Amino acid sequence: MSAESNSSCPVCRTAEVVCGKWTLLLIRDLAEGSARFCELERSLEGISPRTLSLRLRALEEEGVVERHTYPEVPPRVEYALTPKGEALVPLVEDMRRYGTRWLLGAAADATPTKPEPAAV
């Protein structure tokens, strides 16, 4: 597949949006409802404030997240998924099901075995 065809491939374009580190976890958290910056920072253990800010800004530019600023003192800012962002929630849910089935617990520990040869 050429670079030119990648730019018109829906899978490649979606991957460009969601494959940044922390992106899917932000979508997962915002699927629960709007959240403030500090709430997201606490939820995403290990993310730096700068990285969180950059990821939120990039998702805003993609139209996945919207920022609501309230005229209060001190100012209150909340982030929420747009309809475009909400459309990504089933992807996160599918990943949760996959991880539960194949990467956690007994299924993850099971070693694949070769099928027995058919009896002749």
PDB file of N, CA and C in Angstrom:
ATOM      1  N   MET A   1       0.841  -1.169   0.000  1.00  0.00           N
ATOM      2  CA  MET A   1       0.000   0.000   0.000  1.00  0.00           C
ATOM      3  C   MET A   1       0.892   1.239   0.000  1.00  0.00           C
ATOM      4  N   SER A   2       0.662   2.157  -0.888  1.00  0.00           N
ATOM      5  CA  SER A   2       1.497   3.346  -0.974  1.00  0.00           C
ATOM      6  C   SER A   2       1.086   4.371   0.067  1.00  0.00           C
ATOM      7  N   ALA A   3       1.969   5.339   0.322  1.00  0.00           N
ATOM      8  CA  ALA A   3       1.666   6.404   1.272  1.00  0.00           C
ATOM      9  C   ALA A   3       0.448   7.194   0.822  1.00  0.00           C
ATOM     10  N   GLU A   4       0.296   7.342  -0.491  1.00  0.00           N
ATOM     11  CA  GLU A   4      -0.844   8.075  -1.020  1.00  0.00           C
ATOM     12  C   GLU A   4      -2.147   7.341  -0.713  1.00  0.00           C
ATOM     13  N   SER A   5      -2.146   6.020  -0.874  1.00  0.00           N
ATOM     14  CA  SER A   5      -3.368   5.272  -0.584  1.00  0.00           C
ATOM     15  C   SER A   5      -3.625   5.191   0.919  1.00  0.00           C
ATOM     16  N   ASN A   6      -2.563   5.261   1.743  1.00  0.00           N
ATOM     17  CA  ASN A   6      -2.749   5.288   3.194  1.00  0.00           C
ATOM     18  C   ASN A   6      -3.552   6.499   3.631  1.00  0.00           C
ATOM     19  N   SER A   7      -3.335   7.634   2.973  1.00  0.00           N
ATOM     20  CA  SER A   7      -4.038   8.848   3.373  1.00  0.00           C
ATOM     21  C   SER A   7      -5.524   8.778   3.068  1.00  0.00           C
ATOM     22  N   SER A   8      -5.918   7.901   2.161  1.00  0.00           N
ATOM     23  CA  SER A   8      -7.337   7.744   1.859  1.00  0.00           C
ATOM     24  C   SER A   8      -7.919   6.485   2.486  1.00  0.00           C
ATOM     25  N   CYS A   9      -7.119   5.745   3.229  1.00  0.00           N
ATOM     26  CA  CYS A   9      -7.575   4.520   3.889  1.00  0.00           C
ATOM     27  C   CYS A   9      -8.232   4.891   5.224  1.00  0.00           C
ATOM     28  N   PRO A  10      -9.493   4.514   5.423  1.00  0.00           N
ATOM     29  CA  PRO A  10     -10.160   4.873   6.674  1.00  0.00           C
ATOM     30  C   PRO A  10      -9.503   4.271   7.912  1.00  0.00           C
ATOM     31  N   VAL A  11      -8.940   3.071   7.790  1.00  0.00           N
ATOM     32  CA  VAL A  11      -8.267   2.457   8.937  1.00  0.00           C
ATOM     33  C   VAL A  11      -7.016   3.256   9.297  1.00  0.00           C
ATOM     34  N   CYS A  12      -6.234   3.653   8.290  1.00  0.00           N
ATOM     35  CA  CYS A  12      -5.018   4.442   8.534  1.00  0.00           C
ATOM     36  C   CYS A  12      -5.359   5.797   9.154  1.00  0.00           C
ATOM     37  N   ARG A  13      -6.385   6.444   8.644  1.00  0.00           N
ATOM     38  CA  ARG A  13      -6.778   7.756   9.178  1.00  0.00           C
ATOM     39  C   ARG A  13      -7.263   7.637  10.619  1.00  0.00           C
ATOM     40  N   THR A  14      -8.040   6.589  10.911  1.00  0.00           N
ATOM     41  CA  THR A  14      -8.517   6.387  12.281  1.00  0.00           C
ATOM     42  C   THR A  14      -7.339   6.107  13.208  1.00  0.00           C
ATOM     43  N   ALA A  15      -6.394   5.293  12.743  1.00  0.00           N
ATOM     44  CA  ALA A  15      -5.212   4.991  13.555  1.00  0.00           C
ATOM     45  C   ALA A  15      -4.420   6.264  13.850  1.00  0.00           C
ATOM     46  N   GLU A  16      -4.337   7.177  12.898  1.00  0.00           N
ATOM     47  CA  GLU A  16      -3.635   8.443  13.128  1.00  0.00           C
ATOM     48  C   GLU A  16      -4.277   9.221  14.271  1.00  0.00           C
ATOM     49  N   VAL A  17      -5.591   9.125  14.387  1.00  0.00           N
ATOM     50  CA  VAL A  17      -6.305   9.863  15.435  1.00  0.00           C
ATOM     51  C   VAL A  17      -6.173   9.164  16.785  1.00  0.00           C
ATOM     52  N   VAL A  18      -6.374   7.844  16.831  1.00  0.00           N
ATOM     53  CA  VAL A  18      -6.497   7.162  18.119  1.00  0.00           C
ATOM     54  C   VAL A  18      -5.243   6.467  18.629  1.00  0.00           C
ATOM     55  N   CYS A  19      -4.219   6.339  17.830  1.00  0.00           N
ATOM     56  CA  CYS A  19      -3.071   5.543  18.254  1.00  0.00           C
ATOM     57  C   CYS A  19      -2.010   6.300  19.038  1.00  0.00           C
ATOM     58  N   GLY A  20      -2.214   7.564  19.292  1.00  0.00           N
ATOM     59  CA  GLY A  20      -1.271   8.287  20.136  1.00  0.00           C
ATOM     60  C   GLY A  20      -1.361   7.750  21.553  1.00  0.00           C
ATOM     61  N   LYS A  21      -0.223   7.710  22.235  1.00  0.00           N
ATOM     62  CA  LYS A  21      -0.224   7.215  23.611  1.00  0.00           C
ATOM     63  C   LYS A  21      -1.209   8.032  24.439  1.00  0.00           C
ATOM     64  N   TRP A  22      -1.986   7.391  25.251  1.00  0.00           N
ATOM     65  CA  TRP A  22      -2.991   7.956  26.141  1.00  0.00           C
ATOM     66  C   TRP A  22      -4.327   8.268  25.470  1.00  0.00           C
ATOM     67  N   THR A  23      -4.380   8.328  24.151  1.00  0.00           N
ATOM     68  CA  THR A  23      -5.593   8.774  23.472  1.00  0.00           C
ATOM     69  C   THR A  23      -6.790   7.884  23.785  1.00  0.00           C
ATOM     70  N   LEU A  24      -6.639   6.588  23.625  1.00  0.00           N
ATOM     71  CA  LEU A  24      -7.764   5.694  23.875  1.00  0.00           C
ATOM     72  C   LEU A  24      -8.162   5.693  25.344  1.00  0.00           C
ATOM     73  N   LEU A  25      -7.203   5.902  26.234  1.00  0.00           N
ATOM     74  CA  LEU A  25      -7.535   5.973  27.656  1.00  0.00           C
ATOM     75  C   LEU A  25      -8.301   7.253  27.969  1.00  0.00           C
ATOM     76  N   LEU A  26      -7.970   8.338  27.291  1.00  0.00           N
ATOM     77  CA  LEU A  26      -8.745   9.575  27.451  1.00  0.00           C
ATOM     78  C   LEU A  26     -10.177   9.376  26.969  1.00  0.00           C
ATOM     79  N   ILE A  27     -10.330   8.734  25.825  1.00  0.00           N
ATOM     80  CA  ILE A  27     -11.665   8.464  25.294  1.00  0.00           C
ATOM     81  C   ILE A  27     -12.429   7.560  26.259  1.00  0.00           C
ATOM     82  N   ARG A  28     -11.750   6.545  26.790  1.00  0.00           N
ATOM     83  CA  ARG A  28     -12.375   5.653  27.779  1.00  0.00           C
ATOM     84  C   ARG A  28     -12.906   6.439  28.971  1.00  0.00           C
ATOM     85  N   ASP A  29     -12.079   7.337  29.506  1.00  0.00           N
ATOM     86  CA  ASP A  29     -12.487   8.108  30.680  1.00  0.00           C
ATOM     87  C   ASP A  29     -13.588   9.108  30.358  1.00  0.00           C
ATOM     88  N   LEU A  30     -13.496   9.763  29.218  1.00  0.00           N
ATOM     89  CA  LEU A  30     -14.510  10.752  28.856  1.00  0.00           C
ATOM     90  C   LEU A  30     -15.818  10.098  28.424  1.00  0.00           C
ATOM     91  N   ALA A  31     -15.797   8.820  28.118  1.00  0.00           N
ATOM     92  CA  ALA A  31     -17.030   8.107  27.797  1.00  0.00           C
ATOM     93  C   ALA A  31     -17.958   8.053  29.012  1.00  0.00           C
ATOM     94  N   GLU A  32     -17.377   8.181  30.199  1.00  0.00           N
ATOM     95  CA  GLU A  32     -18.157   8.192  31.437  1.00  0.00           C
ATOM     96  C   GLU A  32     -18.869   9.527  31.640  1.00  0.00           C
ATOM     97  N   GLY A  33     -18.446  10.550  30.925  1.00  0.00           N
ATOM     98  CA  GLY A  33     -19.016  11.891  31.071  1.00  0.00           C
ATOM     99  C   GLY A  33     -17.910  12.923  31.106  1.00  0.00           C
ATOM    100  N   SER A  34     -18.299  14.178  31.164  1.00  0.00           N
ATOM    101  CA  SER A  34     -17.299  15.248  31.139  1.00  0.00           C
ATOM    102  C   SER A  34     -16.414  15.171  32.375  1.00  0.00           C
ATOM    103  N   ALA A  35     -15.194  15.691  32.235  1.00  0.00           N
ATOM    104  CA  ALA A  35     -14.228  15.640  33.329  1.00  0.00           C
ATOM    105  C   ALA A  35     -13.338  16.861  33.283  1.00  0.00           C
ATOM    106  N   ARG A  36     -12.871  17.245  34.445  1.00  0.00           N
ATOM    107  CA  ARG A  36     -11.922  18.346  34.548  1.00  0.00           C
ATOM    108  C   ARG A  36     -10.510  17.813  34.321  1.00  0.00           C
ATOM    109  N   PHE A  37      -9.596  18.727  34.017  1.00  0.00           N
ATOM    110  CA  PHE A  37      -8.210  18.373  33.739  1.00  0.00           C
ATOM    111  C   PHE A  37      -7.623  17.554  34.886  1.00  0.00           C
ATOM    112  N   CYS A  38      -7.805  18.021  36.123  1.00  0.00           N
ATOM    113  CA  CYS A  38      -7.203  17.334  37.273  1.00  0.00           C
ATOM    114  C   CYS A  38      -7.793  15.942  37.462  1.00  0.00           C
ATOM    115  N   GLU A  39      -9.074  15.750  37.127  1.00  0.00           N
ATOM    116  CA  GLU A  39      -9.688  14.426  37.226  1.00  0.00           C
ATOM    117  C   GLU A  39      -9.070  13.467  36.209  1.00  0.00           C
ATOM    118  N   LEU A  40      -8.857  13.967  35.009  1.00  0.00           N
ATOM    119  CA  LEU A  40      -8.225  13.141  33.976  1.00  0.00           C
ATOM    120  C   LEU A  40      -6.790  12.805  34.370  1.00  0.00           C
ATOM    121  N   GLU A  41      -6.099  13.784  34.902  1.00  0.00           N
ATOM    122  CA  GLU A  41      -4.707  13.572  35.316  1.00  0.00           C
ATOM    123  C   GLU A  41      -4.616  12.494  36.399  1.00  0.00           C
ATOM    124  N   ARG A  42      -5.542  12.515  37.354  1.00  0.00           N
ATOM    125  CA  ARG A  42      -5.553  11.496  38.416  1.00  0.00           C
ATOM    126  C   ARG A  42      -5.897  10.115  37.855  1.00  0.00           C
ATOM    127  N   SER A  43      -6.816  10.088  36.913  1.00  0.00           N
ATOM    128  CA  SER A  43      -7.265   8.824  36.339  1.00  0.00           C
ATOM    129  C   SER A  43      -6.181   8.152  35.499  1.00  0.00           C
ATOM    130  N   LEU A  44      -5.380   8.955  34.821  1.00  0.00           N
ATOM    131  CA  LEU A  44      -4.346   8.436  33.918  1.00  0.00           C
ATOM    132  C   LEU A  44      -3.001   8.459  34.636  1.00  0.00           C
ATOM    133  N   GLU A  45      -2.824   7.523  35.518  1.00  0.00           N
ATOM    134  CA  GLU A  45      -1.617   7.467  36.331  1.00  0.00           C
ATOM    135  C   GLU A  45      -0.372   7.417  35.450  1.00  0.00           C
ATOM    136  N   GLY A  46       0.538   8.361  35.681  1.00  0.00           N
ATOM    137  CA  GLY A  46       1.790   8.380  34.941  1.00  0.00           C
ATOM    138  C   GLY A  46       1.842   9.412  33.832  1.00  0.00           C
ATOM    139  N   ILE A  47       0.713  10.011  33.484  1.00  0.00           N
ATOM    140  CA  ILE A  47       0.720  11.024  32.421  1.00  0.00           C
ATOM    141  C   ILE A  47       1.175  12.352  33.015  1.00  0.00           C
ATOM    142  N   SER A  48       2.017  13.056  32.283  1.00  0.00           N
ATOM    143  CA  SER A  48       2.463  14.365  32.756  1.00  0.00           C
ATOM    144  C   SER A  48       1.410  15.405  32.367  1.00  0.00           C
ATOM    145  N   PRO A  49       1.327  16.512  33.113  1.00  0.00           N
ATOM    146  CA  PRO A  49       0.373  17.559  32.759  1.00  0.00           C
ATOM    147  C   PRO A  49       0.586  18.081  31.338  1.00  0.00           C
ATOM    148  N   ARG A  50       1.835  18.182  30.927  1.00  0.00           N
ATOM    149  CA  ARG A  50       2.120  18.673  29.575  1.00  0.00           C
ATOM    150  C   ARG A  50       1.586  17.710  28.514  1.00  0.00           C
ATOM    151  N   THR A  51       1.826  16.420  28.711  1.00  0.00           N
ATOM    152  CA  THR A  51       1.351  15.422  27.757  1.00  0.00           C
ATOM    153  C   THR A  51      -0.172  15.409  27.714  1.00  0.00           C
ATOM    154  N   LEU A  52      -0.811  15.473  28.887  1.00  0.00           N
ATOM    155  CA  LEU A  52      -2.272  15.502  28.929  1.00  0.00           C
ATOM    156  C   LEU A  52      -2.797  16.716  28.172  1.00  0.00           C
ATOM    157  N   SER A  53      -2.186  17.846  28.387  1.00  0.00           N
ATOM    158  CA  SER A  53      -2.599  19.058  27.690  1.00  0.00           C
ATOM    159  C   SER A  53      -2.446  18.921  26.177  1.00  0.00           C
ATOM    160  N   LEU A  54      -1.321  18.369  25.741  1.00  0.00           N
ATOM    161  CA  LEU A  54      -1.082  18.180  24.307  1.00  0.00           C
ATOM    162  C   LEU A  54      -2.075  17.194  23.693  1.00  0.00           C
ATOM    163  N   ARG A  55      -2.362  16.086  24.390  1.00  0.00           N
ATOM    164  CA  ARG A  55      -3.305  15.094  23.868  1.00  0.00           C
ATOM    165  C   ARG A  55      -4.703  15.685  23.773  1.00  0.00           C
ATOM    166  N   LEU A  56      -5.117  16.420  24.806  1.00  0.00           N
ATOM    167  CA  LEU A  56      -6.445  17.041  24.773  1.00  0.00           C
ATOM    168  C   LEU A  56      -6.546  18.055  23.636  1.00  0.00           C
ATOM    169  N   ARG A  57      -5.496  18.833  23.455  1.00  0.00           N
ATOM    170  CA  ARG A  57      -5.497  19.831  22.371  1.00  0.00           C
ATOM    171  C   ARG A  57      -5.582  19.146  21.007  1.00  0.00           C
ATOM    172  N   ALA A  58      -4.814  18.061  20.826  1.00  0.00           N
ATOM    173  CA  ALA A  58      -4.847  17.339  19.553  1.00  0.00           C
ATOM    174  C   ALA A  58      -6.233  16.743  19.303  1.00  0.00           C
ATOM    175  N   LEU A  59      -6.862  16.214  20.343  1.00  0.00           N
ATOM    176  CA  LEU A  59      -8.199  15.647  20.186  1.00  0.00           C
ATOM    177  C   LEU A  59      -9.242  16.735  19.921  1.00  0.00           C
ATOM    178  N   GLU A  60      -9.024  17.906  20.480  1.00  0.00           N
ATOM    179  CA  GLU A  60      -9.903  19.050  20.167  1.00  0.00           C
ATOM    180  C   GLU A  60      -9.770  19.412  18.685  1.00  0.00           C
ATOM    181  N   GLU A  61      -8.541  19.471  18.204  1.00  0.00           N
ATOM    182  CA  GLU A  61      -8.305  19.824  16.801  1.00  0.00           C
ATOM    183  C   GLU A  61      -8.921  18.795  15.860  1.00  0.00           C
ATOM    184  N   GLU A  62      -8.973  17.530  16.274  1.00  0.00           N
ATOM    185  CA  GLU A  62      -9.576  16.470  15.453  1.00  0.00           C
ATOM    186  C   GLU A  62     -11.103  16.458  15.573  1.00  0.00           C
ATOM    187  N   GLY A  63     -11.627  17.247  16.518  1.00  0.00           N
ATOM    188  CA  GLY A  63     -13.074  17.278  16.710  1.00  0.00           C
ATOM    189  C   GLY A  63     -13.607  16.117  17.525  1.00  0.00           C
ATOM    190  N   VAL A  64     -12.733  15.463  18.288  1.00  0.00           N
ATOM    191  CA  VAL A  64     -13.110  14.313  19.103  1.00  0.00           C
ATOM    192  C   VAL A  64     -13.516  14.752  20.510  1.00  0.00           C
ATOM    193  N   VAL A  65     -12.881  15.806  21.006  1.00  0.00           N
ATOM    194  CA  VAL A  65     -13.113  16.329  22.353  1.00  0.00           C
ATOM    195  C   VAL A  65     -13.458  17.804  22.240  1.00  0.00           C
ATOM    196  N   GLU A  66     -14.360  18.237  23.118  1.00  0.00           N
ATOM    197  CA  GLU A  66     -14.638  19.674  23.194  1.00  0.00           C
ATOM    198  C   GLU A  66     -14.339  20.165  24.602  1.00  0.00           C
ATOM    199  N   ARG A  67     -13.928  21.397  24.660  1.00  0.00           N
ATOM    200  CA  ARG A  67     -13.530  22.029  25.916  1.00  0.00           C
ATOM    201  C   ARG A  67     -14.599  23.043  26.282  1.00  0.00           C
ATOM    202  N   HIS A  68     -15.083  22.977  27.520  1.00  0.00           N
ATOM    203  CA  HIS A  68     -16.067  23.936  28.017  1.00  0.00           C
ATOM    204  C   HIS A  68     -15.421  24.752  29.135  1.00  0.00           C
ATOM    205  N   THR A  69     -15.379  26.050  28.955  1.00  0.00           N
ATOM    206  CA  THR A  69     -14.832  26.934  29.974  1.00  0.00           C
ATOM    207  C   THR A  69     -15.988  27.677  30.628  1.00  0.00           C
ATOM    208  N   TYR A  70     -16.039  27.629  31.948  1.00  0.00           N
ATOM    209  CA  TYR A  70     -17.110  28.276  32.694  1.00  0.00           C
ATOM    210  C   TYR A  70     -16.577  29.560  33.323  1.00  0.00           C
ATOM    211  N   PRO A  71     -17.341  30.653  33.215  1.00  0.00           N
ATOM    212  CA  PRO A  71     -16.886  31.950  33.753  1.00  0.00           C
ATOM    213  C   PRO A  71     -17.053  32.012  35.271  1.00  0.00           C
ATOM    214  N   GLU A  72     -16.187  31.306  35.959  1.00  0.00           N
ATOM    215  CA  GLU A  72     -16.206  31.276  37.415  1.00  0.00           C
ATOM    216  C   GLU A  72     -14.840  31.689  37.923  1.00  0.00           C
ATOM    217  N   VAL A  73     -14.770  31.960  39.226  1.00  0.00           N
ATOM    218  CA  VAL A  73     -13.493  32.251  39.850  1.00  0.00           C
ATOM    219  C   VAL A  73     -13.284  31.216  40.935  1.00  0.00           C
ATOM    220  N   PRO A  74     -12.250  30.398  40.819  1.00  0.00           N
ATOM    221  CA  PRO A  74     -11.315  30.276  39.704  1.00  0.00           C
ATOM    222  C   PRO A  74     -12.014  29.647  38.496  1.00  0.00           C
ATOM    223  N   PRO A  75     -11.455  29.883  37.312  1.00  0.00           N
ATOM    224  CA  PRO A  75     -12.080  29.357  36.104  1.00  0.00           C
ATOM    225  C   PRO A  75     -12.178  27.823  36.156  1.00  0.00           C
ATOM    226  N   ARG A  76     -13.279  27.315  35.648  1.00  0.00           N
ATOM    227  CA  ARG A  76     -13.488  25.860  35.593  1.00  0.00           C
ATOM    228  C   ARG A  76     -13.521  25.450  34.129  1.00  0.00           C
ATOM    229  N   VAL A  77     -12.740  24.425  33.807  1.00  0.00           N
ATOM    230  CA  VAL A  77     -12.694  23.900  32.438  1.00  0.00           C
ATOM    231  C   VAL A  77     -13.027  22.419  32.505  1.00  0.00           C
ATOM    232  N   GLU A  78     -13.943  21.996  31.635  1.00  0.00           N
ATOM    233  CA  GLU A  78     -14.293  20.589  31.543  1.00  0.00           C
ATOM    234  C   GLU A  78     -14.141  20.124  30.101  1.00  0.00           C
ATOM    235  N   TYR A  79     -13.825  18.854  29.956  1.00  0.00           N
ATOM    236  CA  TYR A  79     -13.664  18.247  28.637  1.00  0.00           C
ATOM    237  C   TYR A  79     -14.729  17.173  28.476  1.00  0.00           C
ATOM    238  N   ALA A  80     -15.243  17.057  27.255  1.00  0.00           N
ATOM    239  CA  ALA A  80     -16.262  16.057  26.958  1.00  0.00           C
ATOM    240  C   ALA A  80     -16.069  15.568  25.532  1.00  0.00           C
ATOM    241  N   LEU A  81     -16.587  14.383  25.273  1.00  0.00           N
ATOM    242  CA  LEU A  81     -16.543  13.845  23.913  1.00  0.00           C
ATOM    243  C   LEU A  81     -17.593  14.543  23.051  1.00  0.00           C
ATOM    244  N   THR A  82     -17.243  14.789  21.822  1.00  0.00           N
ATOM    245  CA  THR A  82     -18.186  15.273  20.825  1.00  0.00           C
ATOM    246  C   THR A  82     -18.893  14.044  20.245  1.00  0.00           C
ATOM    247  N   PRO A  83     -19.881  14.232  19.394  1.00  0.00           N
ATOM    248  CA  PRO A  83     -20.466  13.060  18.725  1.00  0.00           C
ATOM    249  C   PRO A  83     -19.414  12.244  17.964  1.00  0.00           C
ATOM    250  N   LYS A  84     -18.439  12.917  17.383  1.00  0.00           N
ATOM    251  CA  LYS A  84     -17.351  12.206  16.692  1.00  0.00           C
ATOM    252  C   LYS A  84     -16.547  11.369  17.694  1.00  0.00           C
ATOM    253  N   GLY A  85     -16.327  11.898  18.883  1.00  0.00           N
ATOM    254  CA  GLY A  85     -15.622  11.154  19.923  1.00  0.00           C
ATOM    255  C   GLY A  85     -16.453  10.010  20.470  1.00  0.00           C
ATOM    256  N   GLU A  86     -17.762  10.240  20.634  1.00  0.00           N
ATOM    257  CA  GLU A  86     -18.648   9.187  21.125  1.00  0.00           C
ATOM    258  C   GLU A  86     -18.698   8.013  20.151  1.00  0.00           C
ATOM    259  N   ALA A  87     -18.491   8.291  18.879  1.00  0.00           N
ATOM    260  CA  ALA A  87     -18.483   7.216  17.880  1.00  0.00           C
ATOM    261  C   ALA A  87     -17.285   6.288  18.074  1.00  0.00           C
ATOM    262  N   LEU A  88     -16.263   6.723  18.814  1.00  0.00           N
ATOM    263  CA  LEU A  88     -15.088   5.884  19.080  1.00  0.00           C
ATOM    264  C   LEU A  88     -15.273   4.989  20.305  1.00  0.00           C
ATOM    265  N   VAL A  89     -16.294   5.238  21.108  1.00  0.00           N
ATOM    266  CA  VAL A  89     -16.502   4.459  22.332  1.00  0.00           C
ATOM    267  C   VAL A  89     -16.687   2.975  22.035  1.00  0.00           C
ATOM    268  N   PRO A  90     -17.445   2.570  20.999  1.00  0.00           N
ATOM    269  CA  PRO A  90     -17.534   1.128  20.723  1.00  0.00           C
ATOM    270  C   PRO A  90     -16.179   0.489  20.428  1.00  0.00           C
ATOM    271  N   LEU A  91     -15.259   1.229  19.834  1.00  0.00           N
ATOM    272  CA  LEU A  91     -13.908   0.722  19.598  1.00  0.00           C
ATOM    273  C   LEU A  91     -13.225   0.423  20.927  1.00  0.00           C
ATOM    274  N   VAL A  92     -13.360   1.333  21.883  1.00  0.00           N
ATOM    275  CA  VAL A  92     -12.772   1.135  23.213  1.00  0.00           C
ATOM    276  C   VAL A  92     -13.428  -0.067  23.890  1.00  0.00           C
ATOM    277  N   GLU A  93     -14.748  -0.192  23.756  1.00  0.00           N
ATOM    278  CA  GLU A  93     -15.452  -1.328  24.354  1.00  0.00           C
ATOM    279  C   GLU A  93     -15.007  -2.645  23.731  1.00  0.00           C
ATOM    280  N   ASP A  94     -14.808  -2.646  22.408  1.00  0.00           N
ATOM    281  CA  ASP A  94     -14.303  -3.856  21.744  1.00  0.00           C
ATOM    282  C   ASP A  94     -12.913  -4.205  22.256  1.00  0.00           C
ATOM    283  N   MET A  95     -12.081  -3.206  22.476  1.00  0.00           N
ATOM    284  CA  MET A  95     -10.733  -3.450  23.004  1.00  0.00           C
ATOM    285  C   MET A  95     -10.813  -3.999  24.427  1.00  0.00           C
ATOM    286  N   ARG A  96     -11.762  -3.502  25.207  1.00  0.00           N
ATOM    287  CA  ARG A  96     -11.948  -3.998  26.583  1.00  0.00           C
ATOM    288  C   ARG A  96     -12.343  -5.480  26.557  1.00  0.00           C
ATOM    289  N   ARG A  97     -13.282  -5.835  25.679  1.00  0.00           N
ATOM    290  CA  ARG A  97     -13.699  -7.231  25.566  1.00  0.00           C
ATOM    291  C   ARG A  97     -12.541  -8.117  25.102  1.00  0.00           C
ATOM    292  N   TYR A  98     -11.788  -7.648  24.111  1.00  0.00           N
ATOM    293  CA  TYR A  98     -10.638  -8.405  23.610  1.00  0.00           C
ATOM    294  C   TYR A  98      -9.630  -8.620  24.742  1.00  0.00           C
ATOM    295  N   GLY A  99      -9.293  -7.552  25.443  1.00  0.00           N
ATOM    296  CA  GLY A  99      -8.316  -7.653  26.520  1.00  0.00           C
ATOM    297  C   GLY A  99      -8.775  -8.578  27.629  1.00  0.00           C
ATOM    298  N   THR A 100     -10.059  -8.515  27.957  1.00  0.00           N
ATOM    299  CA  THR A 100     -10.605  -9.391  28.989  1.00  0.00           C
ATOM    300  C   THR A 100     -10.543 -10.845  28.544  1.00  0.00           C
ATOM    301  N   ARG A 101     -10.890 -11.086  27.301  1.00  0.00           N
ATOM    302  CA  ARG A 101     -10.924 -12.466  26.810  1.00  0.00           C
ATOM    303  C   ARG A 101      -9.536 -13.033  26.547  1.00  0.00           C
ATOM    304  N   TRP A 102      -8.671 -12.252  25.918  1.00  0.00           N
ATOM    305  CA  TRP A 102      -7.411 -12.794  25.406  1.00  0.00           C
ATOM    306  C   TRP A 102      -6.162 -12.385  26.168  1.00  0.00           C
ATOM    307  N   LEU A 103      -6.209 -11.328  26.951  1.00  0.00           N
ATOM    308  CA  LEU A 103      -4.979 -10.839  27.571  1.00  0.00           C
ATOM    309  C   LEU A 103      -4.979 -10.911  29.088  1.00  0.00           C
ATOM    310  N   LEU A 104      -6.149 -11.104  29.686  1.00  0.00           N
ATOM    311  CA  LEU A 104      -6.233 -11.181  31.143  1.00  0.00           C
ATOM    312  C   LEU A 104      -6.698 -12.567  31.563  1.00  0.00           C
ATOM    313  N   GLY A 105      -6.243 -13.010  32.692  1.00  0.00           N
ATOM    314  CA  GLY A 105      -6.768 -14.244  33.249  1.00  0.00           C
ATOM    315  C   GLY A 105      -6.306 -15.506  32.548  1.00  0.00           C
ATOM    316  N   ALA A 106      -7.148 -16.525  32.625  1.00  0.00           N
ATOM    317  CA  ALA A 106      -6.802 -17.865  32.160  1.00  0.00           C
ATOM    318  C   ALA A 106      -6.527 -17.916  30.663  1.00  0.00           C
ATOM    319  N   ALA A 107      -7.294 -17.180  29.863  1.00  0.00           N
ATOM    320  CA  ALA A 107      -7.090 -17.226  28.410  1.00  0.00           C
ATOM    321  C   ALA A 107      -5.706 -16.715  28.036  1.00  0.00           C
ATOM    322  N   ALA A 108      -5.225 -15.722  28.750  1.00  0.00           N
ATOM    323  CA  ALA A 108      -3.907 -15.172  28.446  1.00  0.00           C
ATOM    324  C   ALA A 108      -2.802 -16.146  28.845  1.00  0.00           C
ATOM    325  N   ASP A 109      -3.066 -16.931  29.883  1.00  0.00           N
ATOM    326  CA  ASP A 109      -2.053 -17.862  30.368  1.00  0.00           C
ATOM    327  C   ASP A 109      -1.998 -19.153  29.562  1.00  0.00           C
ATOM    328  N   ALA A 110      -3.063 -19.448  28.840  1.00  0.00           N
ATOM    329  CA  ALA A 110      -3.123 -20.703  28.076  1.00  0.00           C
ATOM    330  C   ALA A 110      -2.134 -20.648  26.929  1.00  0.00           C
ATOM    331  N   THR A 111      -1.355 -21.689  26.814  1.00  0.00           N
ATOM    332  CA  THR A 111      -0.403 -21.785  25.716  1.00  0.00           C
ATOM    333  C   THR A 111      -1.101 -22.436  24.541  1.00  0.00           C
ATOM    334  N   PRO A 112      -1.054 -21.806  23.372  1.00  0.00           N
ATOM    335  CA  PRO A 112      -1.704 -22.430  22.226  1.00  0.00           C
ATOM    336  C   PRO A 112      -1.044 -23.768  21.911  1.00  0.00           C
ATOM    337  N   THR A 113      -1.865 -24.733  21.585  1.00  0.00           N
ATOM    338  CA  THR A 113      -1.334 -26.044  21.233  1.00  0.00           C
ATOM    339  C   THR A 113      -1.612 -26.305  19.774  1.00  0.00           C
ATOM    340  N   LYS A 114      -0.779 -27.170  19.212  1.00  0.00           N
ATOM    341  CA  LYS A 114      -0.984 -27.550  17.814  1.00  0.00           C
ATOM    342  C   LYS A 114      -2.146 -28.533  17.749  1.00  0.00           C
ATOM    343  N   PRO A 115      -2.983 -28.411  16.734  1.00  0.00           N
ATOM    344  CA  PRO A 115      -4.089 -29.358  16.615  1.00  0.00           C
ATOM    345  C   PRO A 115      -3.545 -30.759  16.339  1.00  0.00           C
ATOM    346  N   GLU A 116      -4.268 -31.736  16.836  1.00  0.00           N
ATOM    347  CA  GLU A 116      -3.908 -33.134  16.587  1.00  0.00           C
ATOM    348  C   GLU A 116      -4.098 -33.439  15.111  1.00  0.00           C
ATOM    349  N   PRO A 117      -3.202 -34.264  14.511  1.00  0.00           N
ATOM    350  CA  PRO A 117      -3.395 -34.639  13.117  1.00  0.00           C
ATOM    351  C   PRO A 117      -4.668 -35.478  12.985  1.00  0.00           C
ATOM    352  N   ALA A 118      -5.349 -35.299  11.892  1.00  0.00           N
ATOM    353  CA  ALA A 118      -6.586 -36.043  11.640  1.00  0.00           C
ATOM    354  C   ALA A 118      -6.268 -37.517  11.476  1.00  0.00           C
ATOM    355  N   ALA A 119      -7.128 -38.348  12.050  1.00  0.00           N
ATOM    356  CA  ALA A 119      -6.947 -39.819  11.925  1.00  0.00           C
ATOM    357  C   ALA A 119      -7.274 -40.221  10.510  1.00  0.00           C
ATOM    358  N   VAL A 120      -6.458 -41.116   9.980  1.00  0.00           N
ATOM    359  CA  VAL A 120      -6.670 -41.577   8.605  1.00  0.00           C
ATOM    360  C   VAL A 120      -7.430 -42.851   8.571  1.00  0.00           C
TER     361      VAL A 120
END
